[in-house]
Amino acid sequence: MPSVDLVVVDRPENAARQAAELLVEAARRGDRIFLSGGSTPRPAYELAAELEPDWSGASVWWGDERCVPPDDERSNFRLAREALLDRLVGAPEVHRIEAELGGAEAADRYERELQGRVGGLVLLGIGPDGHTASLFPNEPSLSEQERLVVAADPGLEPFVERVTLTPAALAAADEIVFLVTGSDKAEAAARAFDAEPNPSTPASLARSERGSTRAILDRAAAAQIRPSR
């Protein structure tokens, strides 16, 4: 597997800043930028909008989505709209996963929209169970080699169907950036970045094959990673 560049900082806010700066660099390059959900990236999104309010040259995509309407509080799109998109003065192209249509149809539409290409920067997180995007431990989607996008089982709460990029899609990214904070992620982070790849920890399988993979962690999240790493 390709290597991972580990960046460990003292506090969650420092991790958010580093992620925000990478998002801004990608926006200024006019890249495809794939966003993640959850509470961890919100500060990074808010800071990225402050650092660079003009994203008009870039396009924004998502690594996964829950099958809920875009205004639902569980929606990854809604999180990004509130924390990032609504704060910009120069809007990017927005390519939302239309997950409210149901997993299978939304995955098919998003696959067509990608037109066989991922590239750009993909921002990912890690769940305490080791999942990333909506790739959950030991699920069949982890061995998908043909498709870039698939419907996914509900996984952790909230228990709703999901749509996700596949490991094959993530491998085609130019740059993968993991943002991981908090002691509740420490065990999963060690399995993802300090152990052999294993489908029981999907994050350990998410690596860029042609570009770079970086993990930005605060000290709490990195606590179980061996110093030699």
C-alpha atoms as a PDB file:
ATOM      1  CA  MET A   1       0.000   0.000   0.000  1.00  0.00           C
ATOM      2  CA  PRO A   2       1.188   3.584  -0.616  1.00  0.00           C
ATOM      3  CA  SER A   3       2.588   5.328   2.435  1.00  0.00           C
ATOM      4  CA  VAL A   4       0.832   7.926   4.571  1.00  0.00           C
ATOM      5  CA  ASP A   5       2.381  11.203   5.670  1.00  0.00           C
ATOM      6  CA  LEU A   6       1.420  11.628   9.339  1.00  0.00           C
ATOM      7  CA  VAL A   7       1.088  15.157  10.705  1.00  0.00           C
ATOM      8  CA  VAL A   8       0.473  15.377  14.464  1.00  0.00           C
ATOM      9  CA  VAL A   9      -0.450  18.710  16.054  1.00  0.00           C
ATOM     10  CA  ASP A  10      -1.218  19.715  19.624  1.00  0.00           C
ATOM     11  CA  ARG A  11      -4.889  20.658  19.447  1.00  0.00           C
ATOM     12  CA  PRO A  12      -7.984  20.067  17.288  1.00  0.00           C
ATOM     13  CA  GLU A  13      -8.008  23.692  16.165  1.00  0.00           C
ATOM     14  CA  ASN A  14      -4.476  23.318  14.801  1.00  0.00           C
ATOM     15  CA  ALA A  15      -5.565  20.237  12.869  1.00  0.00           C
ATOM     16  CA  ALA A  16      -8.543  22.169  11.490  1.00  0.00           C
ATOM     17  CA  ARG A  17      -6.256  24.984  10.347  1.00  0.00           C
ATOM     18  CA  GLN A  18      -3.906  22.636   8.521  1.00  0.00           C
ATOM     19  CA  ALA A  19      -6.839  20.997   6.753  1.00  0.00           C
ATOM     20  CA  ALA A  20      -8.344  24.392   5.919  1.00  0.00           C
ATOM     21  CA  GLU A  21      -5.077  25.557   4.378  1.00  0.00           C
ATOM     22  CA  LEU A  22      -4.959  22.472   2.155  1.00  0.00           C
ATOM     23  CA  LEU A  23      -8.555  23.054   1.076  1.00  0.00           C
ATOM     24  CA  VAL A  24      -7.701  26.663   0.229  1.00  0.00           C
ATOM     25  CA  GLU A  25      -4.675  25.605  -1.811  1.00  0.00           C
ATOM     26  CA  ALA A  26      -6.876  23.203  -3.768  1.00  0.00           C
ATOM     27  CA  ALA A  27      -9.532  25.863  -4.307  1.00  0.00           C
ATOM     28  CA  ARG A  28      -6.939  28.319  -5.615  1.00  0.00           C
ATOM     29  CA  ARG A  29      -5.637  25.657  -8.012  1.00  0.00           C
ATOM     30  CA  GLY A  30      -9.148  25.112  -9.327  1.00  0.00           C
ATOM     31  CA  ASP A  31      -9.228  21.471  -8.249  1.00  0.00           C
ATOM     32  CA  ARG A  32     -12.040  19.067  -7.688  1.00  0.00           C
ATOM     33  CA  ILE A  33     -12.558  19.056  -3.914  1.00  0.00           C
ATOM     34  CA  PHE A  34     -14.448  16.182  -2.278  1.00  0.00           C
ATOM     35  CA  LEU A  35     -15.849  17.066   1.145  1.00  0.00           C
ATOM     36  CA  SER A  36     -16.714  14.852   4.086  1.00  0.00           C
ATOM     37  CA  GLY A  37     -19.436  14.987   6.714  1.00  0.00           C
ATOM     38  CA  GLY A  38     -19.498  14.691  10.484  1.00  0.00           C
ATOM     39  CA  SER A  39     -18.682  17.268  13.120  1.00  0.00           C
ATOM     40  CA  THR A  40     -14.885  17.135  12.772  1.00  0.00           C
ATOM     41  CA  PRO A  41     -14.486  19.090   9.498  1.00  0.00           C
ATOM     42  CA  ARG A  42     -16.889  21.944  10.350  1.00  0.00           C
ATOM     43  CA  PRO A  43     -14.189  24.218  11.859  1.00  0.00           C
ATOM     44  CA  ALA A  44     -11.943  23.522   8.878  1.00  0.00           C
ATOM     45  CA  TYR A  45     -14.713  24.500   6.456  1.00  0.00           C
ATOM     46  CA  GLU A  46     -15.457  27.718   8.335  1.00  0.00           C
ATOM     47  CA  LEU A  47     -11.799  28.688   8.428  1.00  0.00           C
ATOM     48  CA  ALA A  48     -11.262  27.796   4.762  1.00  0.00           C
ATOM     49  CA  ALA A  49     -14.069  30.177   3.773  1.00  0.00           C
ATOM     50  CA  GLU A  50     -12.451  32.895   5.863  1.00  0.00           C
ATOM     51  CA  LEU A  51      -8.999  32.318   4.407  1.00  0.00           C
ATOM     52  CA  GLU A  52     -10.223  32.230   0.807  1.00  0.00           C
ATOM     53  CA  PRO A  53     -13.767  33.415   0.072  1.00  0.00           C
ATOM     54  CA  ASP A  54     -13.467  32.976  -3.701  1.00  0.00           C
ATOM     55  CA  TRP A  55     -13.770  29.349  -4.794  1.00  0.00           C
ATOM     56  CA  SER A  56     -15.158  30.176  -8.224  1.00  0.00           C
ATOM     57  CA  GLY A  57     -12.417  28.313 -10.062  1.00  0.00           C
ATOM     58  CA  ALA A  58     -12.959  25.049  -8.208  1.00  0.00           C
ATOM     59  CA  SER A  59     -15.649  22.393  -8.067  1.00  0.00           C
ATOM     60  CA  VAL A  60     -17.023  20.841  -4.899  1.00  0.00           C
ATOM     61  CA  TRP A  61     -18.094  17.221  -4.603  1.00  0.00           C
ATOM     62  CA  TRP A  62     -18.797  14.809  -1.762  1.00  0.00           C
ATOM     63  CA  GLY A  63     -17.180  11.556  -0.724  1.00  0.00           C
ATOM     64  CA  ASP A  64     -20.423  10.181   0.667  1.00  0.00           C
ATOM     65  CA  GLU A  65     -23.934  11.137   1.641  1.00  0.00           C
ATOM     66  CA  ARG A  66     -26.848   9.867   3.678  1.00  0.00           C
ATOM     67  CA  CYS A  67     -30.071   9.191   1.774  1.00  0.00           C
ATOM     68  CA  VAL A  68     -31.938  12.165   3.204  1.00  0.00           C
ATOM     69  CA  PRO A  69     -33.131  15.463   1.680  1.00  0.00           C
ATOM     70  CA  PRO A  70     -30.424  18.125   1.287  1.00  0.00           C
ATOM     71  CA  ASP A  71     -31.955  20.290   4.032  1.00  0.00           C
ATOM     72  CA  ASP A  72     -32.042  17.422   6.536  1.00  0.00           C
ATOM     73  CA  GLU A  73     -29.843  17.969   9.592  1.00  0.00           C
ATOM     74  CA  ARG A  74     -28.113  14.622   8.848  1.00  0.00           C
ATOM     75  CA  SER A  75     -27.098  15.704   5.332  1.00  0.00           C
ATOM     76  CA  ASN A  76     -23.397  16.113   4.568  1.00  0.00           C
ATOM     77  CA  PHE A  77     -24.382  18.625   1.905  1.00  0.00           C
ATOM     78  CA  ARG A  78     -26.230  20.737   4.466  1.00  0.00           C
ATOM     79  CA  LEU A  79     -23.200  20.742   6.762  1.00  0.00           C
ATOM     80  CA  ALA A  80     -20.927  21.939   3.965  1.00  0.00           C
ATOM     81  CA  ARG A  81     -23.455  24.521   2.773  1.00  0.00           C
ATOM     82  CA  GLU A  82     -23.789  26.062   6.224  1.00  0.00           C
ATOM     83  CA  ALA A  83     -20.119  25.893   7.213  1.00  0.00           C
ATOM     84  CA  LEU A  84     -18.497  26.658   3.841  1.00  0.00           C
ATOM     85  CA  LEU A  85     -20.574  27.325   0.742  1.00  0.00           C
ATOM     86  CA  ASP A  86     -22.880  29.985   2.213  1.00  0.00           C
ATOM     87  CA  ARG A  87     -19.814  31.882   3.475  1.00  0.00           C
ATOM     88  CA  LEU A  88     -18.133  32.221   0.085  1.00  0.00           C
ATOM     89  CA  VAL A  89     -18.354  35.259  -2.178  1.00  0.00           C
ATOM     90  CA  GLY A  90     -17.198  33.289  -5.213  1.00  0.00           C
ATOM     91  CA  ALA A  91     -19.155  30.071  -5.520  1.00  0.00           C
ATOM     92  CA  PRO A  92     -17.630  26.868  -6.914  1.00  0.00           C
ATOM     93  CA  GLU A  93     -19.417  24.410  -9.150  1.00  0.00           C
ATOM     94  CA  VAL A  94     -21.413  22.207  -6.791  1.00  0.00           C
ATOM     95  CA  HIS A  95     -21.921  18.528  -7.558  1.00  0.00           C
ATOM     96  CA  ARG A  96     -24.236  17.216  -4.877  1.00  0.00           C
ATOM     97  CA  ILE A  97     -25.039  13.530  -4.399  1.00  0.00           C
ATOM     98  CA  GLU A  98     -28.811  13.396  -4.926  1.00  0.00           C
ATOM     99  CA  ALA A  99     -29.147  10.792  -2.211  1.00  0.00           C
ATOM    100  CA  GLU A 100     -32.789  11.581  -1.506  1.00  0.00           C
ATOM    101  CA  LEU A 101     -33.528   9.601  -4.690  1.00  0.00           C
ATOM    102  CA  GLY A 102     -32.417   6.407  -2.954  1.00  0.00           C
ATOM    103  CA  GLY A 103     -29.049   4.713  -2.839  1.00  0.00           C
ATOM    104  CA  ALA A 104     -29.019   2.855  -6.147  1.00  0.00           C
ATOM    105  CA  GLU A 105     -30.317   5.689  -8.338  1.00  0.00           C
ATOM    106  CA  ALA A 106     -28.207   8.323  -6.595  1.00  0.00           C
ATOM    107  CA  ALA A 107     -25.079   6.193  -6.996  1.00  0.00           C
ATOM    108  CA  ASP A 108     -25.767   5.697 -10.699  1.00  0.00           C
ATOM    109  CA  ARG A 109     -26.308   9.426 -11.266  1.00  0.00           C
ATOM    110  CA  TYR A 110     -23.195  10.413  -9.342  1.00  0.00           C
ATOM    111  CA  GLU A 111     -21.125   7.831 -11.183  1.00  0.00           C
ATOM    112  CA  ARG A 112     -22.223   9.344 -14.507  1.00  0.00           C
ATOM    113  CA  GLU A 113     -21.489  12.845 -13.260  1.00  0.00           C
ATOM    114  CA  LEU A 114     -17.950  11.859 -12.299  1.00  0.00           C
ATOM    115  CA  GLN A 115     -17.425  10.637 -15.880  1.00  0.00           C
ATOM    116  CA  GLY A 116     -14.821   8.113 -14.812  1.00  0.00           C
ATOM    117  CA  ARG A 117     -12.607  10.657 -13.083  1.00  0.00           C
ATOM    118  CA  VAL A 118     -11.964  11.559  -9.468  1.00  0.00           C
ATOM    119  CA  GLY A 119      -8.642  13.385  -9.139  1.00  0.00           C
ATOM    120  CA  GLY A 120      -8.344  16.459  -6.966  1.00  0.00           C
ATOM    121  CA  LEU A 121      -8.369  16.493  -3.166  1.00  0.00           C
ATOM    122  CA  VAL A 122     -10.521  14.136  -1.115  1.00  0.00           C
ATOM    123  CA  LEU A 123     -11.073  15.043   2.543  1.00  0.00           C
ATOM    124  CA  LEU A 124     -11.860  12.054   4.765  1.00  0.00           C
ATOM    125  CA  GLY A 125     -12.499  11.342   8.418  1.00  0.00           C
ATOM    126  CA  ILE A 126     -12.435   8.175  10.478  1.00  0.00           C
ATOM    127  CA  GLY A 127     -15.161   6.744  12.677  1.00  0.00           C
ATOM    128  CA  PRO A 128     -14.398   4.960  15.956  1.00  0.00           C
ATOM    129  CA  ASP A 129     -15.080   1.672  14.135  1.00  0.00           C
ATOM    130  CA  GLY A 130     -12.473   2.513  11.479  1.00  0.00           C
ATOM    131  CA  HIS A 131     -14.895   3.437   8.714  1.00  0.00           C
ATOM    132  CA  THR A 132     -14.205   6.257   6.295  1.00  0.00           C
ATOM    133  CA  ALA A 133     -16.645   7.953   3.898  1.00  0.00           C
ATOM    134  CA  SER A 134     -19.500   5.401   4.089  1.00  0.00           C
ATOM    135  CA  LEU A 135     -17.204   2.410   3.743  1.00  0.00           C
ATOM    136  CA  PHE A 136     -17.918   0.257   6.783  1.00  0.00           C
ATOM    137  CA  PRO A 137     -15.948  -2.690   8.186  1.00  0.00           C
ATOM    138  CA  ASN A 138     -15.995  -5.889   6.129  1.00  0.00           C
ATOM    139  CA  GLU A 139     -18.726  -4.695   3.749  1.00  0.00           C
ATOM    140  CA  PRO A 140     -18.800  -5.932   0.108  1.00  0.00           C
ATOM    141  CA  SER A 141     -18.247  -2.370  -1.129  1.00  0.00           C
ATOM    142  CA  LEU A 142     -14.617  -2.619   0.037  1.00  0.00           C
ATOM    143  CA  SER A 143     -13.821  -5.076  -2.738  1.00  0.00           C
ATOM    144  CA  GLU A 144     -15.592  -3.136  -5.516  1.00  0.00           C
ATOM    145  CA  GLN A 145     -13.157  -2.676  -8.404  1.00  0.00           C
ATOM    146  CA  GLU A 146     -15.337  -1.480 -11.280  1.00  0.00           C
ATOM    147  CA  ARG A 147     -17.526   1.287  -9.893  1.00  0.00           C
ATOM    148  CA  LEU A 148     -16.538   4.626  -8.425  1.00  0.00           C
ATOM    149  CA  VAL A 149     -19.797   5.045  -6.493  1.00  0.00           C
ATOM    150  CA  VAL A 150     -22.081   2.531  -4.773  1.00  0.00           C
ATOM    151  CA  ALA A 151     -25.033   2.464  -2.409  1.00  0.00           C
ATOM    152  CA  ALA A 152     -23.957   1.498   1.102  1.00  0.00           C
ATOM    153  CA  ASP A 153     -25.558  -0.077   4.133  1.00  0.00           C
ATOM    154  CA  PRO A 154     -26.585   2.258   6.967  1.00  0.00           C
ATOM    155  CA  GLY A 155     -23.609   1.498   9.216  1.00  0.00           C
ATOM    156  CA  LEU A 156     -23.551   3.565  12.404  1.00  0.00           C
ATOM    157  CA  GLU A 157     -26.229   5.927  13.618  1.00  0.00           C
ATOM    158  CA  PRO A 158     -28.177   7.546  12.092  1.00  0.00           C
ATOM    159  CA  PHE A 159     -29.323   4.324  10.464  1.00  0.00           C
ATOM    160  CA  VAL A 160     -30.119   5.466   6.936  1.00  0.00           C
ATOM    161  CA  GLU A 161     -28.960   4.170   3.576  1.00  0.00           C
ATOM    162  CA  ARG A 162     -25.927   5.908   2.149  1.00  0.00           C
ATOM    163  CA  VAL A 163     -24.023   6.560  -1.073  1.00  0.00           C
ATOM    164  CA  THR A 164     -20.234   6.448  -1.087  1.00  0.00           C
ATOM    165  CA  LEU A 165     -17.130   6.593  -3.198  1.00  0.00           C
ATOM    166  CA  THR A 166     -15.433   3.212  -3.405  1.00  0.00           C
ATOM    167  CA  PRO A 167     -11.814   2.384  -2.515  1.00  0.00           C
ATOM    168  CA  ALA A 168     -11.104   2.328  -6.264  1.00  0.00           C
ATOM    169  CA  ALA A 169     -12.391   5.901  -6.524  1.00  0.00           C
ATOM    170  CA  LEU A 170     -10.322   7.028  -3.544  1.00  0.00           C
ATOM    171  CA  ALA A 171      -7.227   5.438  -5.073  1.00  0.00           C
ATOM    172  CA  ALA A 172      -7.722   7.692  -8.124  1.00  0.00           C
ATOM    173  CA  ALA A 173      -7.551  10.905  -6.072  1.00  0.00           C
ATOM    174  CA  ASP A 174      -4.568  13.179  -6.523  1.00  0.00           C
ATOM    175  CA  GLU A 175      -4.511  13.876  -2.803  1.00  0.00           C
ATOM    176  CA  ILE A 176      -6.249  12.243   0.155  1.00  0.00           C
ATOM    177  CA  VAL A 177      -6.343  14.176   3.422  1.00  0.00           C
ATOM    178  CA  PHE A 178      -7.572  12.532   6.606  1.00  0.00           C
ATOM    179  CA  LEU A 179      -8.638  14.881   9.402  1.00  0.00           C
ATOM    180  CA  VAL A 180      -8.848  12.996  12.705  1.00  0.00           C
ATOM    181  CA  THR A 181      -9.260  14.463  16.185  1.00  0.00           C
ATOM    182  CA  GLY A 182     -10.222  13.224  19.628  1.00  0.00           C
ATOM    183  CA  SER A 183      -9.309  10.342  21.893  1.00  0.00           C
ATOM    184  CA  ASP A 184     -12.320   8.323  20.731  1.00  0.00           C
ATOM    185  CA  LYS A 185     -10.571   7.974  17.349  1.00  0.00           C
ATOM    186  CA  ALA A 186      -7.190   6.873  18.745  1.00  0.00           C
ATOM    187  CA  GLU A 187      -7.644   3.120  18.395  1.00  0.00           C
ATOM    188  CA  ALA A 188      -9.110   3.414  14.909  1.00  0.00           C
ATOM    189  CA  ALA A 189      -6.333   5.800  13.846  1.00  0.00           C
ATOM    190  CA  ALA A 190      -3.680   3.338  15.010  1.00  0.00           C
ATOM    191  CA  ARG A 191      -5.321   0.573  12.996  1.00  0.00           C
ATOM    192  CA  ALA A 192      -5.654   2.829   9.966  1.00  0.00           C
ATOM    193  CA  PHE A 193      -2.146   4.290   9.927  1.00  0.00           C
ATOM    194  CA  ASP A 194       0.026   1.985  12.045  1.00  0.00           C
ATOM    195  CA  ALA A 195      -1.039  -1.518  11.012  1.00  0.00           C
ATOM    196  CA  GLU A 196      -1.408  -3.637   7.914  1.00  0.00           C
ATOM    197  CA  PRO A 197      -4.365  -2.803   5.626  1.00  0.00           C
ATOM    198  CA  ASN A 198      -7.414  -4.770   6.680  1.00  0.00           C
ATOM    199  CA  PRO A 199     -11.081  -4.656   5.627  1.00  0.00           C
ATOM    200  CA  SER A 200     -12.015  -4.546   9.306  1.00  0.00           C
ATOM    201  CA  THR A 201     -10.616  -0.990   9.187  1.00  0.00           C
ATOM    202  CA  PRO A 202     -11.744   0.558   5.895  1.00  0.00           C
ATOM    203  CA  ALA A 203      -9.675   3.694   6.487  1.00  0.00           C
ATOM    204  CA  SER A 204      -6.562   1.529   6.175  1.00  0.00           C
ATOM    205  CA  LEU A 205      -7.536   0.810   2.554  1.00  0.00           C
ATOM    206  CA  ALA A 206      -8.071   4.438   1.495  1.00  0.00           C
ATOM    207  CA  ARG A 207      -4.854   5.520  -0.195  1.00  0.00           C
ATOM    208  CA  SER A 208      -4.042   7.554  -3.290  1.00  0.00           C
ATOM    209  CA  GLU A 209      -2.186   5.355  -5.741  1.00  0.00           C
ATOM    210  CA  ARG A 210      -0.799   8.105  -7.951  1.00  0.00           C
ATOM    211  CA  GLY A 211      -0.634  11.023  -5.541  1.00  0.00           C
ATOM    212  CA  SER A 212      -0.270  11.613  -1.814  1.00  0.00           C
ATOM    213  CA  THR A 213      -2.113  10.538   1.311  1.00  0.00           C
ATOM    214  CA  ARG A 214      -1.804  12.666   4.425  1.00  0.00           C
ATOM    215  CA  ALA A 215      -3.295  12.208   7.888  1.00  0.00           C
ATOM    216  CA  ILE A 216      -3.645  15.255  10.125  1.00  0.00           C
ATOM    217  CA  LEU A 217      -4.246  14.238  13.739  1.00  0.00           C
ATOM    218  CA  ASP A 218      -4.302  15.974  17.077  1.00  0.00           C
ATOM    219  CA  ARG A 219      -2.292  14.371  19.870  1.00  0.00           C
ATOM    220  CA  ALA A 220      -5.334  12.693  21.378  1.00  0.00           C
ATOM    221  CA  ALA A 221      -6.144  10.916  18.113  1.00  0.00           C
ATOM    222  CA  ALA A 222      -2.497   9.953  17.570  1.00  0.00           C
ATOM    223  CA  ALA A 223      -1.975   8.624  21.088  1.00  0.00           C
ATOM    224  CA  GLN A 224      -1.815   4.939  20.117  1.00  0.00           C
ATOM    225  CA  ILE A 225       0.385   5.346  17.032  1.00  0.00           C
ATOM    226  CA  ARG A 226       3.923   4.149  17.645  1.00  0.00           C
ATOM    227  CA  PRO A 227       6.537   6.947  17.755  1.00  0.00           C
ATOM    228  CA  SER A 228       8.586   5.231  15.055  1.00  0.00           C
ATOM    229  CA  ARG A 229       5.827   6.075  12.607  1.00  0.00           C
END
